[in-house]
Amino acid sequence: MQKKRKILHILKDAADAYPLEVIRKTAVSCDLSILLIQEAVHMNIPKFQGNIFVLSEDLNPKKQSPFQSVGYQKMLELIFESDSVVTW
């Protein structure tokens, strides 16, 4: 059995729904993760089968995130562990 490609999607804009459409369509054939940064840190992403991370430096301290918070070091690890990185 062939190993699934590991793809990291980095989302910056909460107002753009197109990336989520693309991500959902490729979720079956790839091992996907999403990293939310900048304006996207408080996005609502329901029913996603994969890992969702949020950059802690971009979070508003008064708001909670349901996703795992990571720092810059972990962000770099996610990037270098992935076969492909797509920034939206």
N, C-alpha and C. Protein backbone atom coordinates (compact mmCIF):
# COMPACT_ATOMS: atom_id res chain seq x y z
N MET A 1 0.84 -1.19 0.00
CA MET A 1 0.00 0.00 0.00
C MET A 1 0.88 1.25 0.00
N GLN A 2 0.54 2.18 -0.85
CA GLN A 2 1.32 3.40 -0.98
C GLN A 2 0.99 4.38 0.15
N LYS A 3 2.02 5.02 0.66
CA LYS A 3 1.86 6.02 1.72
C LYS A 3 1.16 7.26 1.16
N LYS A 4 0.21 7.81 1.92
CA LYS A 4 -0.48 9.03 1.52
C LYS A 4 0.46 10.22 1.62
N ARG A 5 0.35 11.14 0.65
CA ARG A 5 1.13 12.37 0.70
C ARG A 5 0.69 13.21 1.89
N LYS A 6 1.65 13.76 2.58
CA LYS A 6 1.38 14.59 3.75
C LYS A 6 1.38 16.05 3.30
N ILE A 7 0.21 16.70 3.40
CA ILE A 7 0.07 18.08 2.94
C ILE A 7 -0.37 18.97 4.10
N LEU A 8 0.32 20.09 4.23
CA LEU A 8 -0.02 21.10 5.23
C LEU A 8 -0.62 22.30 4.50
N HIS A 9 -1.82 22.69 4.89
CA HIS A 9 -2.47 23.89 4.36
C HIS A 9 -2.38 24.97 5.43
N ILE A 10 -1.80 26.10 5.07
CA ILE A 10 -1.70 27.24 5.99
C ILE A 10 -2.72 28.27 5.54
N LEU A 11 -3.69 28.52 6.40
CA LEU A 11 -4.77 29.47 6.08
C LEU A 11 -4.54 30.79 6.80
N LYS A 12 -4.62 31.91 6.05
CA LYS A 12 -4.38 33.24 6.61
C LYS A 12 -5.63 34.11 6.65
N ASP A 13 -6.64 33.79 5.83
CA ASP A 13 -7.79 34.67 5.66
C ASP A 13 -9.08 33.93 6.01
N ALA A 14 -9.72 34.33 7.07
CA ALA A 14 -10.95 33.67 7.53
C ALA A 14 -12.13 33.90 6.57
N ALA A 15 -12.07 34.94 5.77
CA ALA A 15 -13.19 35.27 4.89
C ALA A 15 -13.21 34.46 3.60
N ASP A 16 -12.13 33.77 3.29
CA ASP A 16 -12.02 33.02 2.03
C ASP A 16 -12.42 31.57 2.25
N ALA A 17 -13.59 31.17 1.74
CA ALA A 17 -14.09 29.80 1.92
C ALA A 17 -13.53 28.81 0.90
N TYR A 18 -12.97 29.31 -0.19
CA TYR A 18 -12.48 28.43 -1.26
C TYR A 18 -11.43 27.42 -0.79
N PRO A 19 -10.45 27.82 0.02
CA PRO A 19 -9.46 26.83 0.45
C PRO A 19 -10.08 25.63 1.16
N LEU A 20 -11.10 25.85 1.98
CA LEU A 20 -11.73 24.74 2.69
C LEU A 20 -12.42 23.78 1.72
N GLU A 21 -12.98 24.30 0.64
CA GLU A 21 -13.59 23.44 -0.38
C GLU A 21 -12.53 22.53 -1.01
N VAL A 22 -11.40 23.11 -1.36
CA VAL A 22 -10.31 22.34 -1.96
C VAL A 22 -9.77 21.31 -0.97
N ILE A 23 -9.59 21.72 0.25
CA ILE A 23 -9.05 20.83 1.28
C ILE A 23 -9.97 19.64 1.48
N ARG A 24 -11.25 19.87 1.58
CA ARG A 24 -12.21 18.77 1.77
C ARG A 24 -12.22 17.79 0.60
N LYS A 25 -12.04 18.29 -0.62
CA LYS A 25 -12.03 17.42 -1.79
C LYS A 25 -10.79 16.53 -1.85
N THR A 26 -9.70 16.98 -1.29
CA THR A 26 -8.46 16.19 -1.32
C THR A 26 -8.22 15.40 -0.05
N ALA A 27 -9.10 15.53 0.94
CA ALA A 27 -8.89 14.89 2.24
C ALA A 27 -8.84 13.37 2.16
N VAL A 28 -9.54 12.78 1.22
CA VAL A 28 -9.59 11.32 1.13
C VAL A 28 -8.26 10.75 0.63
N SER A 29 -7.64 11.43 -0.30
CA SER A 29 -6.44 10.89 -0.94
C SER A 29 -5.14 11.32 -0.28
N CYS A 30 -5.18 12.22 0.69
CA CYS A 30 -3.97 12.75 1.31
C CYS A 30 -4.10 12.78 2.83
N ASP A 31 -2.95 12.83 3.48
CA ASP A 31 -2.88 13.03 4.93
C ASP A 31 -2.77 14.54 5.14
N LEU A 32 -3.88 15.18 5.51
CA LEU A 32 -3.94 16.64 5.57
C LEU A 32 -3.88 17.18 6.99
N SER A 33 -3.23 18.33 7.10
CA SER A 33 -3.24 19.13 8.31
C SER A 33 -3.50 20.57 7.91
N ILE A 34 -4.09 21.33 8.83
CA ILE A 34 -4.36 22.75 8.60
C ILE A 34 -3.71 23.53 9.73
N LEU A 35 -3.04 24.61 9.36
CA LEU A 35 -2.48 25.54 10.33
C LEU A 35 -3.14 26.89 10.10
N LEU A 36 -3.80 27.41 11.13
CA LEU A 36 -4.48 28.70 11.06
C LEU A 36 -3.55 29.78 11.60
N ILE A 37 -3.34 30.83 10.79
CA ILE A 37 -2.49 31.94 11.21
C ILE A 37 -3.19 33.26 10.90
N GLN A 38 -2.64 34.33 11.40
CA GLN A 38 -3.10 35.70 11.14
C GLN A 38 -4.61 35.83 11.34
N GLU A 39 -5.35 36.27 10.32
CA GLU A 39 -6.78 36.51 10.45
C GLU A 39 -7.61 35.23 10.52
N ALA A 40 -7.02 34.10 10.24
CA ALA A 40 -7.77 32.84 10.21
C ALA A 40 -7.77 32.09 11.55
N VAL A 41 -7.09 32.62 12.57
CA VAL A 41 -6.94 31.85 13.81
C VAL A 41 -8.25 31.53 14.52
N HIS A 42 -9.30 32.27 14.26
CA HIS A 42 -10.57 32.00 14.92
C HIS A 42 -11.62 31.44 13.96
N MET A 43 -11.16 30.82 12.86
CA MET A 43 -12.08 30.20 11.91
C MET A 43 -12.80 29.02 12.55
N ASN A 44 -14.00 28.78 12.09
CA ASN A 44 -14.75 27.60 12.49
C ASN A 44 -14.60 26.57 11.37
N ILE A 45 -14.02 25.43 11.69
CA ILE A 45 -13.82 24.37 10.69
C ILE A 45 -14.49 23.11 11.22
N PRO A 46 -15.76 22.90 10.87
CA PRO A 46 -16.47 21.73 11.38
C PRO A 46 -16.15 20.46 10.60
N LYS A 47 -16.16 19.35 11.30
CA LYS A 47 -16.07 18.01 10.70
C LYS A 47 -14.92 17.85 9.71
N PHE A 48 -13.72 18.14 10.15
CA PHE A 48 -12.54 17.93 9.32
C PHE A 48 -11.78 16.74 9.87
N GLN A 49 -11.48 15.78 8.99
CA GLN A 49 -10.73 14.60 9.42
C GLN A 49 -9.26 14.82 9.16
N GLY A 50 -8.61 15.38 10.13
CA GLY A 50 -7.18 15.69 10.05
C GLY A 50 -6.82 16.54 11.26
N ASN A 51 -5.60 16.97 11.29
CA ASN A 51 -5.13 17.80 12.40
C ASN A 51 -5.32 19.27 12.07
N ILE A 52 -5.80 20.01 13.05
CA ILE A 52 -5.94 21.46 12.89
C ILE A 52 -5.15 22.12 14.01
N PHE A 53 -4.25 23.01 13.61
CA PHE A 53 -3.42 23.73 14.55
C PHE A 53 -3.68 25.22 14.40
N VAL A 54 -3.39 25.98 15.44
CA VAL A 54 -3.53 27.43 15.41
C VAL A 54 -2.25 28.03 15.98
N LEU A 55 -1.73 29.07 15.32
CA LEU A 55 -0.50 29.70 15.76
C LEU A 55 -0.77 30.55 17.00
N SER A 56 -0.16 30.18 18.10
CA SER A 56 -0.45 30.83 19.39
C SER A 56 -0.12 32.33 19.39
N GLU A 57 0.90 32.74 18.66
CA GLU A 57 1.29 34.15 18.62
C GLU A 57 0.23 35.03 17.96
N ASP A 58 -0.64 34.43 17.14
CA ASP A 58 -1.68 35.20 16.47
C ASP A 58 -3.03 35.16 17.20
N LEU A 59 -3.13 34.36 18.23
CA LEU A 59 -4.39 34.25 18.96
C LEU A 59 -4.67 35.47 19.81
N ASN A 60 -5.94 35.84 19.89
CA ASN A 60 -6.38 36.87 20.81
C ASN A 60 -6.46 36.21 22.19
N PRO A 61 -5.74 36.73 23.19
CA PRO A 61 -5.75 36.07 24.50
C PRO A 61 -7.12 36.01 25.17
N LYS A 62 -8.07 36.81 24.71
CA LYS A 62 -9.41 36.81 25.30
C LYS A 62 -10.33 35.78 24.67
N LYS A 63 -9.89 35.16 23.56
CA LYS A 63 -10.71 34.16 22.89
C LYS A 63 -10.04 32.80 22.96
N GLN A 64 -10.84 31.77 23.14
CA GLN A 64 -10.34 30.40 23.16
C GLN A 64 -10.42 29.81 21.77
N SER A 65 -9.54 28.88 21.47
CA SER A 65 -9.60 28.15 20.21
C SER A 65 -9.83 26.68 20.52
N PRO A 66 -10.68 26.01 19.74
CA PRO A 66 -10.90 24.58 19.96
C PRO A 66 -9.76 23.73 19.39
N PHE A 67 -8.80 24.37 18.72
CA PHE A 67 -7.73 23.64 18.06
C PHE A 67 -6.43 23.71 18.86
N GLN A 68 -5.53 22.79 18.56
CA GLN A 68 -4.25 22.74 19.27
C GLN A 68 -3.41 23.97 18.94
N SER A 69 -2.98 24.67 19.96
CA SER A 69 -2.16 25.87 19.81
C SER A 69 -0.69 25.47 19.69
N VAL A 70 0.00 26.06 18.70
CA VAL A 70 1.43 25.76 18.49
C VAL A 70 2.19 27.07 18.33
N GLY A 71 3.47 27.02 18.64
CA GLY A 71 4.34 28.18 18.47
C GLY A 71 5.10 28.09 17.15
N TYR A 72 6.01 29.03 16.95
CA TYR A 72 6.76 29.07 15.70
C TYR A 72 7.63 27.83 15.50
N GLN A 73 8.21 27.29 16.57
CA GLN A 73 9.05 26.10 16.44
C GLN A 73 8.25 24.91 15.90
N LYS A 74 7.07 24.69 16.46
CA LYS A 74 6.22 23.59 15.98
C LYS A 74 5.73 23.87 14.56
N MET A 75 5.47 25.14 14.24
CA MET A 75 5.06 25.50 12.88
C MET A 75 6.14 25.08 11.88
N LEU A 76 7.38 25.35 12.20
CA LEU A 76 8.48 24.94 11.33
C LEU A 76 8.57 23.42 11.21
N GLU A 77 8.37 22.72 12.30
CA GLU A 77 8.38 21.24 12.27
C GLU A 77 7.28 20.73 11.34
N LEU A 78 6.09 21.30 11.45
CA LEU A 78 4.97 20.89 10.58
C LEU A 78 5.32 21.12 9.11
N ILE A 79 5.94 22.24 8.82
CA ILE A 79 6.31 22.57 7.44
C ILE A 79 7.33 21.56 6.91
N PHE A 80 8.37 21.29 7.67
CA PHE A 80 9.42 20.40 7.19
C PHE A 80 9.04 18.92 7.21
N GLU A 81 8.04 18.54 7.98
CA GLU A 81 7.55 17.15 8.00
C GLU A 81 6.61 16.87 6.83
N SER A 82 6.12 17.89 6.18
CA SER A 82 5.13 17.73 5.11
C SER A 82 5.81 17.53 3.75
N ASP A 83 5.12 16.77 2.89
CA ASP A 83 5.59 16.61 1.52
C ASP A 83 5.32 17.87 0.71
N SER A 84 4.21 18.54 1.01
CA SER A 84 3.82 19.77 0.31
C SER A 84 3.21 20.73 1.33
N VAL A 85 3.40 22.03 1.07
CA VAL A 85 2.81 23.07 1.90
C VAL A 85 2.09 24.04 0.96
N VAL A 86 0.81 24.30 1.27
CA VAL A 86 0.02 25.22 0.47
C VAL A 86 -0.42 26.37 1.38
N THR A 87 -0.11 27.58 0.96
CA THR A 87 -0.50 28.75 1.74
C THR A 87 -1.63 29.48 1.03
N TRP A 88 -2.68 29.74 1.77
CA TRP A 88 -3.87 30.41 1.21
C TRP A 88 -4.00 31.78 1.82
